[in-house]
């Protein structure tokens, strides 16, 4: 994500434009990777078979991470980058 931001920033010579265009360019790969992993692991937290008491708590945590990771990567990371890159 940040390498894409740096690439665009080098072309445009603007930190704000680099963060905006870099985040837009990396949005599809981030969302697709988390959606594929989340959908692939979805049977884990929804299962009701024998032995599910051991695996279901971890599966729920992983599914929660697959939901919150794109939000953190696409919204919080550019916000933090704008503060940190402006400070230089």
C-alpha atoms as a PDB file:
ATOM      1  CA  UNK A   1       0.000   0.000   0.000  1.00  0.00           C
ATOM      2  CA  UNK A   2       2.665   2.469   0.972  1.00  0.00           C
ATOM      3  CA  UNK A   3       4.912   1.520  -1.922  1.00  0.00           C
ATOM      4  CA  UNK A   4       2.048   2.282  -4.311  1.00  0.00           C
ATOM      5  CA  UNK A   5       1.569   5.615  -2.578  1.00  0.00           C
ATOM      6  CA  UNK A   6       5.268   6.408  -2.895  1.00  0.00           C
ATOM      7  CA  UNK A   7       5.252   5.507  -6.609  1.00  0.00           C
ATOM      8  CA  UNK A   8       2.372   7.864  -7.340  1.00  0.00           C
ATOM      9  CA  UNK A   9       3.884  10.546  -5.121  1.00  0.00           C
ATOM     10  CA  UNK A  10       7.125  10.424  -7.111  1.00  0.00           C
ATOM     11  CA  UNK A  11       5.195  10.909 -10.369  1.00  0.00           C
ATOM     12  CA  UNK A  12       2.916  13.712  -9.156  1.00  0.00           C
ATOM     13  CA  UNK A  13       5.212  15.459  -6.630  1.00  0.00           C
ATOM     14  CA  UNK A  14       2.241  15.821  -4.276  1.00  0.00           C
ATOM     15  CA  UNK A  15       1.845  13.887  -1.047  1.00  0.00           C
ATOM     16  CA  UNK A  16      -1.947  14.296  -0.928  1.00  0.00           C
ATOM     17  CA  UNK A  17      -2.424  13.195  -4.531  1.00  0.00           C
ATOM     18  CA  UNK A  18      -0.018  10.292  -4.006  1.00  0.00           C
ATOM     19  CA  UNK A  19      -1.951   9.041  -0.989  1.00  0.00           C
ATOM     20  CA  UNK A  20      -5.296   9.398  -2.759  1.00  0.00           C
ATOM     21  CA  UNK A  21      -4.296   7.711  -6.007  1.00  0.00           C
ATOM     22  CA  UNK A  22      -2.161   5.097  -4.251  1.00  0.00           C
ATOM     23  CA  UNK A  23      -5.072   4.086  -2.010  1.00  0.00           C
ATOM     24  CA  UNK A  24      -7.401   3.868  -4.999  1.00  0.00           C
ATOM     25  CA  UNK A  25      -4.907   1.742  -6.931  1.00  0.00           C
ATOM     26  CA  UNK A  26      -4.456  -0.699  -4.043  1.00  0.00           C
ATOM     27  CA  UNK A  27      -8.145  -0.938  -3.145  1.00  0.00           C
ATOM     28  CA  UNK A  28      -9.051  -3.801  -5.487  1.00  0.00           C
ATOM     29  CA  UNK A  29      -6.195  -6.159  -4.471  1.00  0.00           C
ATOM     30  CA  UNK A  30      -6.826  -5.574  -0.759  1.00  0.00           C
ATOM     31  CA  UNK A  31     -10.583  -6.104  -0.973  1.00  0.00           C
ATOM     32  CA  UNK A  32     -10.283  -9.145  -3.238  1.00  0.00           C
ATOM     33  CA  UNK A  33      -7.668 -10.849  -1.043  1.00  0.00           C
ATOM     34  CA  UNK A  34      -9.656 -10.321   2.148  1.00  0.00           C
ATOM     35  CA  UNK A  35     -12.946 -11.298   0.492  1.00  0.00           C
ATOM     36  CA  UNK A  36     -11.479 -14.506  -0.920  1.00  0.00           C
ATOM     37  CA  UNK A  37      -9.936 -15.494   2.405  1.00  0.00           C
ATOM     38  CA  UNK A  38     -13.052 -14.516   4.325  1.00  0.00           C
ATOM     39  CA  UNK A  39     -15.413 -16.452   2.078  1.00  0.00           C
ATOM     40  CA  UNK A  40     -13.096 -19.453   2.005  1.00  0.00           C
ATOM     41  CA  UNK A  41     -12.943 -19.616   5.782  1.00  0.00           C
ATOM     42  CA  UNK A  42     -16.635 -18.823   6.359  1.00  0.00           C
ATOM     43  CA  UNK A  43     -17.691 -22.446   7.034  1.00  0.00           C
ATOM     44  CA  UNK A  44     -15.471 -22.454  10.136  1.00  0.00           C
ATOM     45  CA  UNK A  45     -17.448 -20.074  12.346  1.00  0.00           C
ATOM     46  CA  UNK A  46     -20.779 -21.300  10.966  1.00  0.00           C
ATOM     47  CA  UNK A  47     -20.198 -25.028  11.485  1.00  0.00           C
ATOM     48  CA  UNK A  48     -22.107 -26.990  14.121  1.00  0.00           C
ATOM     49  CA  UNK A  49     -20.516 -30.451  13.956  1.00  0.00           C
ATOM     50  CA  UNK A  50     -18.547 -32.490  16.431  1.00  0.00           C
ATOM     51  CA  UNK A  51     -15.419 -30.774  17.759  1.00  0.00           C
ATOM     52  CA  UNK A  52     -16.559 -27.316  16.762  1.00  0.00           C
ATOM     53  CA  UNK A  53     -16.120 -25.994  20.319  1.00  0.00           C
ATOM     54  CA  UNK A  54     -12.367 -25.992  19.838  1.00  0.00           C
ATOM     55  CA  UNK A  55     -12.129 -24.511  16.341  1.00  0.00           C
ATOM     56  CA  UNK A  56     -15.035 -22.073  16.273  1.00  0.00           C
ATOM     57  CA  UNK A  57     -13.556 -19.332  18.534  1.00  0.00           C
ATOM     58  CA  UNK A  58     -10.400 -19.078  16.420  1.00  0.00           C
ATOM     59  CA  UNK A  59     -12.440 -19.149  13.213  1.00  0.00           C
ATOM     60  CA  UNK A  60     -14.551 -16.242  14.491  1.00  0.00           C
ATOM     61  CA  UNK A  61     -11.450 -14.213  15.245  1.00  0.00           C
ATOM     62  CA  UNK A  62     -10.057 -14.877  11.779  1.00  0.00           C
ATOM     63  CA  UNK A  63     -13.352 -13.875  10.129  1.00  0.00           C
ATOM     64  CA  UNK A  64     -13.403 -10.674  12.185  1.00  0.00           C
ATOM     65  CA  UNK A  65      -9.915  -9.900  10.964  1.00  0.00           C
ATOM     66  CA  UNK A  66     -10.940 -10.482   7.368  1.00  0.00           C
ATOM     67  CA  UNK A  67     -13.754  -7.950   7.821  1.00  0.00           C
ATOM     68  CA  UNK A  68     -11.776  -5.267   9.660  1.00  0.00           C
ATOM     69  CA  UNK A  69      -8.490  -5.550   7.753  1.00  0.00           C
ATOM     70  CA  UNK A  70      -9.706  -3.905   4.523  1.00  0.00           C
ATOM     71  CA  UNK A  71     -11.231  -1.084   6.534  1.00  0.00           C
ATOM     72  CA  UNK A  72      -8.009  -0.500   8.424  1.00  0.00           C
ATOM     73  CA  UNK A  73      -5.832  -0.780   5.325  1.00  0.00           C
ATOM     74  CA  UNK A  74      -7.993   1.416   3.101  1.00  0.00           C
ATOM     75  CA  UNK A  75      -8.966   4.108   5.616  1.00  0.00           C
ATOM     76  CA  UNK A  76      -6.582   4.176   8.583  1.00  0.00           C
ATOM     77  CA  UNK A  77      -3.348   3.550   6.704  1.00  0.00           C
ATOM     78  CA  UNK A  78      -3.803   6.483   4.286  1.00  0.00           C
ATOM     79  CA  UNK A  79      -4.806   8.690   7.220  1.00  0.00           C
ATOM     80  CA  UNK A  80      -1.669   7.760   9.159  1.00  0.00           C
ATOM     81  CA  UNK A  81       0.436   8.126   6.021  1.00  0.00           C
ATOM     82  CA  UNK A  82      -0.870  11.643   5.474  1.00  0.00           C
ATOM     83  CA  UNK A  83       0.183  12.633   8.988  1.00  0.00           C
ATOM     84  CA  UNK A  84       3.577  10.926   8.820  1.00  0.00           C
ATOM     85  CA  UNK A  85       4.478  11.952   5.273  1.00  0.00           C
ATOM     86  CA  UNK A  86       3.498  15.570   5.871  1.00  0.00           C
ATOM     87  CA  UNK A  87       5.840  15.711   8.878  1.00  0.00           C
ATOM     88  CA  UNK A  88       8.927  15.156   6.702  1.00  0.00           C
END
